[in-house]
């Protein structure tokens, strides 16, 4: 599971489900995010192998994106994504038994819509992430000009946060479960 959220308004920009996330897959996901939503100035992530790889670092450098690594053993430096992962794990991975990876993807997509468009966040003045994002954009003319018309487009990011939260798969039974 690769989760990408906006550091400013908590929008879950992308959630990718896969058996593994080598750096090239992370890069493909980020290219899709950038194509759909614009390029962030920074990426905050932990020191996982997919993020410290030469490919990932060169890709970020070539795209003028600064990598902000959290210090090992300091999860509070990435508290938004840690909380997001916990909410996702409890709502989806711990709540269901999945027989295929496509089932995980479908349920994750449903939850992503709920999280972004329906679930109010106390830290966002009890607005959903998308409501907060749109309100912030309206209050900032520079950002408002960059919004897409008629779609779920997002303002240009300052920082996005990445976290690979691995789920285990038991091949004998064919079940996914949510203990990461």
N, C-alpha and C. Protein backbone atom coordinates (compact mmCIF):
# COMPACT_ATOMS: atom_id res chain seq x y z
N UNK A 1 0.84 -1.17 0.00
CA UNK A 1 0.00 0.00 0.00
C UNK A 1 0.88 1.22 0.00
N UNK A 2 0.70 2.08 -0.97
CA UNK A 2 1.41 3.36 -1.00
C UNK A 2 0.36 4.45 -0.86
N UNK A 3 0.48 5.25 0.18
CA UNK A 3 -0.45 6.34 0.43
C UNK A 3 0.25 7.66 0.18
N UNK A 4 -0.44 8.56 -0.52
CA UNK A 4 0.07 9.89 -0.82
C UNK A 4 -0.98 10.88 -0.35
N UNK A 5 -0.62 11.75 0.62
CA UNK A 5 -1.57 12.76 1.08
C UNK A 5 -0.92 14.14 1.01
N UNK A 6 -1.78 15.15 0.90
CA UNK A 6 -1.33 16.54 0.87
C UNK A 6 -1.12 16.99 2.32
N UNK A 7 0.05 17.53 2.60
CA UNK A 7 0.41 17.96 3.94
C UNK A 7 -0.45 19.12 4.42
N UNK A 8 -0.99 19.91 3.52
CA UNK A 8 -1.75 21.10 3.89
C UNK A 8 -3.20 20.78 4.25
N UNK A 9 -3.90 20.08 3.39
CA UNK A 9 -5.33 19.91 3.58
C UNK A 9 -5.77 18.47 3.79
N UNK A 10 -4.84 17.57 3.91
CA UNK A 10 -5.07 16.14 4.22
C UNK A 10 -5.79 15.38 3.12
N UNK A 11 -5.84 15.92 1.91
CA UNK A 11 -6.46 15.20 0.80
C UNK A 11 -5.63 13.95 0.52
N UNK A 12 -6.30 12.82 0.44
CA UNK A 12 -5.64 11.58 0.04
C UNK A 12 -5.52 11.62 -1.48
N UNK A 13 -4.36 12.05 -1.94
CA UNK A 13 -4.13 12.29 -3.36
C UNK A 13 -4.11 10.98 -4.14
N UNK A 14 -3.50 9.94 -3.56
CA UNK A 14 -3.42 8.65 -4.23
C UNK A 14 -3.25 7.55 -3.19
N UNK A 15 -3.81 6.41 -3.52
CA UNK A 15 -3.62 5.19 -2.74
C UNK A 15 -3.41 4.07 -3.74
N UNK A 16 -2.24 3.51 -3.75
CA UNK A 16 -1.90 2.43 -4.67
C UNK A 16 -1.78 1.13 -3.89
N UNK A 17 -2.40 0.10 -4.40
CA UNK A 17 -2.35 -1.22 -3.77
C UNK A 17 -1.52 -2.13 -4.66
N UNK A 18 -0.53 -2.77 -4.07
CA UNK A 18 0.33 -3.68 -4.81
C UNK A 18 0.99 -4.64 -3.84
N UNK A 19 1.58 -5.69 -4.39
CA UNK A 19 2.31 -6.64 -3.55
C UNK A 19 3.65 -6.07 -3.11
N UNK A 20 4.22 -5.12 -3.86
CA UNK A 20 5.48 -4.50 -3.48
C UNK A 20 5.57 -3.13 -4.13
N UNK A 21 6.45 -2.29 -3.59
CA UNK A 21 6.64 -0.95 -4.12
C UNK A 21 8.12 -0.64 -4.28
N UNK A 22 8.72 -1.17 -5.34
CA UNK A 22 10.08 -0.74 -5.63
C UNK A 22 10.04 0.73 -6.06
N UNK A 23 11.19 1.36 -6.06
CA UNK A 23 11.24 2.79 -6.36
C UNK A 23 10.62 3.14 -7.71
N UNK A 24 10.78 2.30 -8.72
CA UNK A 24 10.22 2.60 -10.04
C UNK A 24 8.69 2.66 -10.00
N UNK A 25 8.07 1.83 -9.19
CA UNK A 25 6.61 1.86 -9.05
C UNK A 25 6.18 3.12 -8.32
N UNK A 26 6.93 3.50 -7.28
CA UNK A 26 6.64 4.75 -6.57
C UNK A 26 6.73 5.93 -7.54
N UNK A 27 7.76 5.94 -8.36
CA UNK A 27 7.94 7.01 -9.35
C UNK A 27 6.77 7.04 -10.33
N UNK A 28 6.34 5.90 -10.83
CA UNK A 28 5.19 5.86 -11.75
C UNK A 28 3.94 6.44 -11.08
N UNK A 29 3.74 6.08 -9.82
CA UNK A 29 2.58 6.61 -9.09
C UNK A 29 2.69 8.12 -8.97
N UNK A 30 3.86 8.61 -8.62
CA UNK A 30 4.04 10.06 -8.47
C UNK A 30 3.91 10.79 -9.80
N UNK A 31 4.35 10.19 -10.89
CA UNK A 31 4.17 10.82 -12.20
C UNK A 31 2.69 10.96 -12.53
N UNK A 32 1.92 9.96 -12.18
CA UNK A 32 0.47 10.04 -12.40
C UNK A 32 -0.14 11.13 -11.52
N UNK A 33 0.29 11.20 -10.26
CA UNK A 33 -0.20 12.24 -9.34
C UNK A 33 0.14 13.62 -9.89
N UNK A 34 1.35 13.80 -10.35
CA UNK A 34 1.78 15.10 -10.88
C UNK A 34 1.00 15.45 -12.15
N UNK A 35 0.80 14.48 -13.02
CA UNK A 35 0.05 14.72 -14.24
C UNK A 35 -1.38 15.17 -13.93
N UNK A 36 -1.99 14.54 -12.91
CA UNK A 36 -3.38 14.85 -12.58
C UNK A 36 -3.53 16.09 -11.70
N UNK A 37 -2.53 16.38 -10.86
CA UNK A 37 -2.73 17.38 -9.82
C UNK A 37 -1.67 18.46 -9.74
N UNK A 38 -0.59 18.32 -10.45
CA UNK A 38 0.48 19.30 -10.34
C UNK A 38 1.63 18.78 -9.48
N UNK A 39 2.76 19.45 -9.59
CA UNK A 39 3.99 19.00 -8.93
C UNK A 39 4.12 19.62 -7.55
N UNK A 40 4.49 18.81 -6.56
CA UNK A 40 4.75 19.38 -5.23
C UNK A 40 6.14 20.01 -5.18
N UNK A 41 6.35 20.89 -4.23
CA UNK A 41 7.69 21.42 -4.00
C UNK A 41 8.52 20.42 -3.20
N UNK A 42 7.86 19.70 -2.30
CA UNK A 42 8.54 18.79 -1.39
C UNK A 42 7.80 17.47 -1.30
N UNK A 43 8.53 16.43 -0.97
CA UNK A 43 7.95 15.14 -0.61
C UNK A 43 8.52 14.76 0.74
N UNK A 44 7.65 14.53 1.69
CA UNK A 44 8.05 14.09 3.02
C UNK A 44 7.83 12.57 3.08
N UNK A 45 8.86 11.85 3.50
CA UNK A 45 8.75 10.39 3.56
C UNK A 45 9.72 9.84 4.59
N UNK A 46 9.54 8.57 4.90
CA UNK A 46 10.47 7.92 5.81
C UNK A 46 11.69 7.43 5.04
N UNK A 47 12.52 6.66 5.68
CA UNK A 47 13.77 6.20 5.07
C UNK A 47 13.65 4.79 4.52
N UNK A 48 12.48 4.44 4.03
CA UNK A 48 12.28 3.12 3.44
C UNK A 48 13.12 2.97 2.18
N UNK A 49 13.42 1.72 1.81
CA UNK A 49 14.29 1.49 0.67
C UNK A 49 13.77 2.07 -0.64
N UNK A 50 12.46 2.13 -0.80
CA UNK A 50 11.89 2.70 -2.03
C UNK A 50 12.13 4.20 -2.12
N UNK A 51 12.32 4.87 -0.96
CA UNK A 51 12.50 6.32 -0.94
C UNK A 51 13.96 6.75 -0.90
N UNK A 52 14.83 5.89 -0.40
CA UNK A 52 16.25 6.26 -0.35
C UNK A 52 17.02 5.74 -1.56
N UNK A 53 16.33 5.08 -2.46
CA UNK A 53 17.00 4.53 -3.64
C UNK A 53 17.55 5.64 -4.53
N UNK A 54 18.56 5.30 -5.27
CA UNK A 54 19.18 6.25 -6.20
C UNK A 54 18.16 6.71 -7.25
N UNK A 55 17.36 5.76 -7.78
CA UNK A 55 16.37 6.11 -8.80
C UNK A 55 15.40 7.18 -8.30
N UNK A 56 14.88 6.98 -7.09
CA UNK A 56 13.91 7.92 -6.52
C UNK A 56 14.56 9.27 -6.28
N UNK A 57 15.75 9.27 -5.71
CA UNK A 57 16.43 10.53 -5.43
C UNK A 57 16.77 11.29 -6.72
N UNK A 58 17.22 10.57 -7.74
CA UNK A 58 17.53 11.22 -9.03
C UNK A 58 16.26 11.75 -9.68
N UNK A 59 15.17 11.00 -9.59
CA UNK A 59 13.90 11.45 -10.16
C UNK A 59 13.44 12.73 -9.47
N UNK A 60 13.50 12.76 -8.15
CA UNK A 60 13.11 13.97 -7.42
C UNK A 60 14.00 15.14 -7.79
N UNK A 61 15.29 14.93 -7.84
CA UNK A 61 16.23 15.99 -8.21
C UNK A 61 15.94 16.50 -9.63
N UNK A 62 15.71 15.59 -10.56
CA UNK A 62 15.43 15.96 -11.94
C UNK A 62 14.12 16.70 -12.10
N UNK A 63 13.19 16.52 -11.15
CA UNK A 63 11.90 17.21 -11.18
C UNK A 63 11.85 18.39 -10.22
N UNK A 64 13.02 18.76 -9.67
CA UNK A 64 13.11 19.88 -8.74
C UNK A 64 12.15 19.73 -7.56
N UNK A 65 12.14 18.54 -6.99
CA UNK A 65 11.33 18.24 -5.82
C UNK A 65 12.29 17.90 -4.68
N UNK A 66 12.16 18.61 -3.58
CA UNK A 66 13.02 18.36 -2.42
C UNK A 66 12.44 17.20 -1.60
N UNK A 67 13.30 16.28 -1.19
CA UNK A 67 12.89 15.17 -0.33
C UNK A 67 13.15 15.58 1.11
N UNK A 68 12.11 15.50 1.94
CA UNK A 68 12.22 15.79 3.37
C UNK A 68 12.09 14.46 4.11
N UNK A 69 13.20 13.86 4.46
CA UNK A 69 13.17 12.58 5.18
C UNK A 69 12.87 12.81 6.65
N UNK A 70 12.05 11.94 7.21
CA UNK A 70 11.85 11.96 8.66
C UNK A 70 13.05 11.28 9.31
N UNK A 71 13.35 11.68 10.51
CA UNK A 71 14.44 11.04 11.24
C UNK A 71 13.99 9.66 11.70
N UNK A 72 14.87 8.68 11.61
CA UNK A 72 14.51 7.34 12.10
C UNK A 72 14.06 7.39 13.56
N UNK A 73 12.98 6.66 13.84
CA UNK A 73 12.45 6.61 15.20
C UNK A 73 11.66 7.83 15.61
N UNK A 74 11.31 8.70 14.68
CA UNK A 74 10.55 9.91 14.99
C UNK A 74 9.27 9.97 14.14
N UNK A 75 8.33 9.05 14.38
CA UNK A 75 7.12 9.03 13.56
C UNK A 75 6.28 10.29 13.68
N UNK A 76 6.46 11.07 14.75
CA UNK A 76 5.67 12.29 14.88
C UNK A 76 6.04 13.33 13.83
N UNK A 77 7.20 13.18 13.19
CA UNK A 77 7.56 14.09 12.11
C UNK A 77 6.73 13.82 10.86
N UNK A 78 6.02 12.73 10.85
CA UNK A 78 5.16 12.35 9.73
C UNK A 78 3.79 11.96 10.28
N UNK A 79 3.32 12.71 11.26
CA UNK A 79 2.13 12.29 12.01
C UNK A 79 0.86 12.25 11.16
N UNK A 80 0.73 13.11 10.16
CA UNK A 80 -0.49 13.08 9.34
C UNK A 80 -0.63 11.74 8.63
N UNK A 81 0.43 11.27 8.03
CA UNK A 81 0.34 10.01 7.28
C UNK A 81 0.25 8.83 8.23
N UNK A 82 0.88 8.92 9.39
CA UNK A 82 0.76 7.85 10.38
C UNK A 82 -0.69 7.70 10.83
N UNK A 83 -1.33 8.83 11.08
CA UNK A 83 -2.75 8.79 11.48
C UNK A 83 -3.62 8.29 10.32
N UNK A 84 -3.33 8.78 9.12
CA UNK A 84 -4.06 8.34 7.94
C UNK A 84 -3.95 6.83 7.78
N UNK A 85 -2.73 6.30 7.87
CA UNK A 85 -2.54 4.86 7.73
C UNK A 85 -3.31 4.09 8.78
N UNK A 86 -3.33 4.60 10.01
CA UNK A 86 -4.10 3.93 11.06
C UNK A 86 -5.59 3.93 10.77
N UNK A 87 -6.10 5.07 10.31
CA UNK A 87 -7.53 5.16 9.97
C UNK A 87 -7.87 4.22 8.83
N UNK A 88 -7.02 4.22 7.81
CA UNK A 88 -7.25 3.33 6.66
C UNK A 88 -7.19 1.87 7.09
N UNK A 89 -6.20 1.52 7.89
CA UNK A 89 -6.04 0.13 8.33
C UNK A 89 -7.27 -0.34 9.11
N UNK A 90 -7.74 0.51 10.04
CA UNK A 90 -8.91 0.12 10.85
C UNK A 90 -10.18 0.03 9.99
N UNK A 91 -10.37 0.98 9.08
CA UNK A 91 -11.60 1.05 8.29
C UNK A 91 -11.65 0.04 7.16
N UNK A 92 -10.50 -0.35 6.63
CA UNK A 92 -10.50 -1.22 5.45
C UNK A 92 -9.78 -2.54 5.72
N UNK A 93 -8.52 -2.46 6.01
CA UNK A 93 -7.72 -3.70 6.08
C UNK A 93 -8.11 -4.60 7.24
N UNK A 94 -8.42 -4.00 8.41
CA UNK A 94 -8.81 -4.81 9.56
C UNK A 94 -10.29 -5.20 9.52
N UNK A 95 -11.07 -4.52 8.71
CA UNK A 95 -12.51 -4.72 8.70
C UNK A 95 -13.00 -5.77 7.71
N UNK A 96 -12.17 -6.15 6.76
CA UNK A 96 -12.60 -7.05 5.71
C UNK A 96 -11.57 -8.15 5.48
N UNK A 97 -12.06 -9.25 4.96
CA UNK A 97 -11.18 -10.31 4.48
C UNK A 97 -11.24 -10.24 2.96
N UNK A 98 -10.08 -10.10 2.35
CA UNK A 98 -10.01 -9.95 0.90
C UNK A 98 -9.48 -11.23 0.28
N UNK A 99 -10.09 -11.64 -0.80
CA UNK A 99 -9.64 -12.82 -1.52
C UNK A 99 -8.72 -12.49 -2.69
N UNK A 100 -8.81 -11.26 -3.19
CA UNK A 100 -7.97 -10.86 -4.31
C UNK A 100 -7.48 -9.43 -4.08
N UNK A 101 -6.43 -9.09 -4.77
CA UNK A 101 -5.90 -7.73 -4.68
C UNK A 101 -6.87 -6.73 -5.30
N UNK A 102 -7.65 -7.17 -6.29
CA UNK A 102 -8.66 -6.29 -6.89
C UNK A 102 -9.73 -5.90 -5.88
N UNK A 103 -10.07 -6.82 -4.96
CA UNK A 103 -11.03 -6.48 -3.91
C UNK A 103 -10.46 -5.40 -3.00
N UNK A 104 -9.18 -5.50 -2.68
CA UNK A 104 -8.53 -4.48 -1.85
C UNK A 104 -8.56 -3.13 -2.59
N UNK A 105 -8.26 -3.15 -3.86
CA UNK A 105 -8.27 -1.90 -4.65
C UNK A 105 -9.66 -1.27 -4.68
N UNK A 106 -10.68 -2.09 -4.88
CA UNK A 106 -12.05 -1.56 -4.94
C UNK A 106 -12.46 -0.94 -3.61
N UNK A 107 -12.23 -1.65 -2.52
CA UNK A 107 -12.62 -1.15 -1.20
C UNK A 107 -11.78 0.09 -0.83
N UNK A 108 -10.52 0.09 -1.24
CA UNK A 108 -9.66 1.26 -0.99
C UNK A 108 -10.18 2.47 -1.75
N UNK A 109 -10.58 2.29 -3.00
CA UNK A 109 -11.14 3.39 -3.78
C UNK A 109 -12.40 3.96 -3.14
N UNK A 110 -13.27 3.07 -2.65
CA UNK A 110 -14.49 3.52 -1.97
C UNK A 110 -14.15 4.33 -0.73
N UNK A 111 -13.20 3.82 0.04
CA UNK A 111 -12.81 4.51 1.27
C UNK A 111 -12.16 5.85 0.96
N UNK A 112 -11.38 5.93 -0.12
CA UNK A 112 -10.73 7.17 -0.50
C UNK A 112 -11.77 8.25 -0.79
N UNK A 113 -12.84 7.90 -1.49
CA UNK A 113 -13.91 8.86 -1.76
C UNK A 113 -14.56 9.30 -0.44
N UNK A 114 -14.84 8.35 0.43
CA UNK A 114 -15.41 8.68 1.75
C UNK A 114 -14.49 9.62 2.52
N UNK A 115 -13.21 9.28 2.57
CA UNK A 115 -12.24 10.07 3.33
C UNK A 115 -12.13 11.50 2.79
N UNK A 116 -12.05 11.66 1.47
CA UNK A 116 -11.84 12.97 0.88
C UNK A 116 -13.10 13.83 0.80
N UNK A 117 -14.26 13.21 0.57
CA UNK A 117 -15.47 13.97 0.27
C UNK A 117 -16.56 13.91 1.33
N UNK A 118 -16.51 12.95 2.26
CA UNK A 118 -17.61 12.79 3.20
C UNK A 118 -17.21 12.90 4.67
N UNK A 119 -16.00 12.53 5.00
CA UNK A 119 -15.57 12.44 6.39
C UNK A 119 -15.00 13.79 6.85
N UNK A 120 -15.71 14.50 7.75
CA UNK A 120 -15.17 15.76 8.25
C UNK A 120 -13.99 15.52 9.19
N UNK A 121 -13.07 16.47 9.20
CA UNK A 121 -11.88 16.39 10.05
C UNK A 121 -11.92 17.55 11.03
N UNK A 122 -11.80 17.24 12.30
CA UNK A 122 -11.81 18.28 13.32
C UNK A 122 -10.68 19.29 13.07
N UNK A 123 -9.52 18.81 12.64
CA UNK A 123 -8.38 19.69 12.41
C UNK A 123 -8.59 20.61 11.20
N UNK A 124 -9.59 20.33 10.38
CA UNK A 124 -9.91 21.16 9.22
C UNK A 124 -11.22 21.93 9.44
N UNK A 125 -11.46 22.33 10.69
CA UNK A 125 -12.69 23.06 11.05
C UNK A 125 -13.93 22.26 10.70
N UNK A 126 -13.87 20.96 10.89
CA UNK A 126 -14.98 20.03 10.63
C UNK A 126 -15.44 20.04 9.17
N UNK A 127 -14.49 20.29 8.27
CA UNK A 127 -14.76 20.17 6.84
C UNK A 127 -14.06 18.91 6.33
N UNK A 128 -14.53 18.43 5.18
CA UNK A 128 -13.82 17.33 4.53
C UNK A 128 -12.54 17.89 3.92
N UNK A 129 -11.57 17.03 3.60
CA UNK A 129 -10.36 17.55 2.96
C UNK A 129 -10.64 18.31 1.66
N UNK A 130 -11.56 17.83 0.84
CA UNK A 130 -11.85 18.53 -0.41
C UNK A 130 -12.55 19.87 -0.17
N UNK A 131 -13.46 19.94 0.81
CA UNK A 131 -14.09 21.22 1.14
C UNK A 131 -13.03 22.22 1.62
N UNK A 132 -12.15 21.76 2.47
CA UNK A 132 -11.09 22.61 3.00
C UNK A 132 -10.16 23.09 1.88
N UNK A 133 -9.82 22.17 1.00
CA UNK A 133 -8.94 22.51 -0.11
C UNK A 133 -9.56 23.58 -1.00
N UNK A 134 -10.83 23.42 -1.34
CA UNK A 134 -11.50 24.39 -2.20
C UNK A 134 -11.67 25.73 -1.51
N UNK A 135 -11.98 25.69 -0.21
CA UNK A 135 -12.12 26.95 0.53
C UNK A 135 -10.78 27.67 0.61
N UNK A 136 -9.72 26.94 0.85
CA UNK A 136 -8.38 27.54 0.90
C UNK A 136 -8.02 28.16 -0.44
N UNK A 137 -8.37 27.48 -1.51
CA UNK A 137 -8.06 27.98 -2.85
C UNK A 137 -8.83 29.26 -3.15
N UNK A 138 -10.08 29.34 -2.73
CA UNK A 138 -10.90 30.52 -2.99
C UNK A 138 -10.33 31.72 -2.23
N UNK A 139 -9.77 31.48 -1.04
CA UNK A 139 -9.21 32.56 -0.25
C UNK A 139 -7.84 33.00 -0.73
N UNK A 140 -7.23 32.25 -1.63
CA UNK A 140 -5.92 32.59 -2.17
C UNK A 140 -6.04 32.67 -3.69
N UNK A 141 -6.12 33.87 -4.26
CA UNK A 141 -6.34 34.00 -5.70
C UNK A 141 -5.28 33.30 -6.54
N UNK A 142 -4.02 33.29 -6.08
CA UNK A 142 -2.97 32.61 -6.85
C UNK A 142 -3.27 31.12 -6.97
N UNK A 143 -3.75 30.53 -5.88
CA UNK A 143 -4.07 29.10 -5.88
C UNK A 143 -5.37 28.86 -6.64
N UNK A 144 -6.35 29.72 -6.45
CA UNK A 144 -7.64 29.53 -7.10
C UNK A 144 -7.51 29.48 -8.61
N UNK A 145 -6.58 30.27 -9.17
CA UNK A 145 -6.38 30.28 -10.61
C UNK A 145 -5.89 28.93 -11.14
N UNK A 146 -5.29 28.13 -10.26
CA UNK A 146 -4.72 26.86 -10.71
C UNK A 146 -5.69 25.69 -10.57
N UNK A 147 -6.86 25.93 -10.03
CA UNK A 147 -7.83 24.84 -9.90
C UNK A 147 -8.40 24.48 -11.27
N UNK A 148 -8.66 23.21 -11.45
CA UNK A 148 -9.30 22.77 -12.70
C UNK A 148 -10.79 23.01 -12.60
N UNK A 149 -11.40 23.28 -13.71
CA UNK A 149 -12.84 23.49 -13.73
C UNK A 149 -13.56 22.17 -13.95
N UNK A 150 -14.65 21.96 -13.19
CA UNK A 150 -15.54 20.83 -13.42
C UNK A 150 -14.99 19.47 -13.03
N UNK A 151 -13.93 19.39 -12.28
CA UNK A 151 -13.39 18.09 -11.90
C UNK A 151 -12.79 18.13 -10.52
N UNK A 152 -12.37 16.97 -10.04
CA UNK A 152 -11.81 16.91 -8.69
C UNK A 152 -10.34 17.31 -8.67
N UNK A 153 -9.97 18.32 -9.43
CA UNK A 153 -8.58 18.74 -9.48
C UNK A 153 -8.20 19.44 -8.19
N UNK A 154 -6.94 19.52 -7.96
CA UNK A 154 -6.41 19.96 -6.70
C UNK A 154 -5.45 21.13 -6.93
N UNK A 155 -5.37 22.07 -6.00
CA UNK A 155 -4.40 23.14 -6.16
C UNK A 155 -2.97 22.60 -6.16
N UNK A 156 -2.04 23.43 -6.57
CA UNK A 156 -0.64 23.03 -6.58
C UNK A 156 -0.20 22.77 -5.14
N UNK A 157 0.53 21.70 -4.96
CA UNK A 157 0.95 21.28 -3.63
C UNK A 157 2.19 22.01 -3.18
N UNK A 158 2.29 22.17 -1.88
CA UNK A 158 3.53 22.58 -1.27
C UNK A 158 4.32 21.32 -0.92
N UNK A 159 3.70 20.45 -0.14
CA UNK A 159 4.35 19.21 0.28
C UNK A 159 3.34 18.08 0.22
N UNK A 160 3.75 16.95 -0.34
CA UNK A 160 2.95 15.74 -0.23
C UNK A 160 3.74 14.77 0.63
N UNK A 161 3.01 13.87 1.26
CA UNK A 161 3.61 12.92 2.17
C UNK A 161 3.42 11.52 1.60
N UNK A 162 4.46 10.73 1.62
CA UNK A 162 4.41 9.36 1.13
C UNK A 162 4.64 8.39 2.27
N UNK A 163 3.95 7.28 2.21
CA UNK A 163 4.20 6.22 3.18
C UNK A 163 3.82 4.91 2.53
N UNK A 164 4.74 3.99 2.54
CA UNK A 164 4.44 2.64 2.10
C UNK A 164 4.07 1.84 3.34
N UNK A 165 2.83 1.42 3.41
CA UNK A 165 2.35 0.65 4.55
C UNK A 165 2.08 -0.76 4.04
N UNK A 166 2.93 -1.65 4.37
CA UNK A 166 2.84 -2.98 3.80
C UNK A 166 1.82 -3.84 4.53
N UNK A 167 1.08 -4.57 3.75
CA UNK A 167 0.11 -5.53 4.26
C UNK A 167 0.62 -6.92 3.94
N UNK A 168 0.32 -7.84 4.79
CA UNK A 168 0.79 -9.20 4.55
C UNK A 168 -0.24 -9.99 3.75
N UNK A 169 0.25 -10.92 3.02
CA UNK A 169 -0.60 -11.77 2.17
C UNK A 169 -0.24 -13.21 2.49
N UNK A 170 -1.23 -14.00 2.80
CA UNK A 170 -0.98 -15.40 3.09
C UNK A 170 -1.36 -16.21 1.86
N UNK A 171 -0.37 -16.73 1.18
CA UNK A 171 -0.60 -17.38 -0.11
C UNK A 171 -1.37 -18.68 0.01
N UNK A 172 -1.27 -19.40 1.11
CA UNK A 172 -1.98 -20.68 1.25
C UNK A 172 -3.49 -20.48 1.21
N UNK A 173 -3.99 -19.50 1.95
CA UNK A 173 -5.43 -19.30 1.99
C UNK A 173 -5.91 -18.28 0.95
N UNK A 174 -4.98 -17.47 0.44
CA UNK A 174 -5.38 -16.45 -0.53
C UNK A 174 -6.00 -15.23 0.11
N UNK A 175 -5.82 -15.02 1.41
CA UNK A 175 -6.44 -13.89 2.09
C UNK A 175 -5.46 -12.78 2.37
N UNK A 176 -5.96 -11.56 2.24
CA UNK A 176 -5.22 -10.37 2.70
C UNK A 176 -5.74 -10.07 4.10
N UNK A 177 -4.91 -9.56 4.95
CA UNK A 177 -5.39 -9.00 6.19
C UNK A 177 -4.56 -7.80 6.55
N UNK A 178 -5.05 -7.02 7.51
CA UNK A 178 -4.53 -5.69 7.67
C UNK A 178 -3.42 -5.45 8.66
N UNK A 179 -2.79 -6.43 9.20
CA UNK A 179 -1.68 -6.16 10.10
C UNK A 179 -0.46 -5.82 9.30
N UNK A 180 0.01 -4.61 9.47
CA UNK A 180 1.18 -4.18 8.71
C UNK A 180 2.45 -4.37 9.53
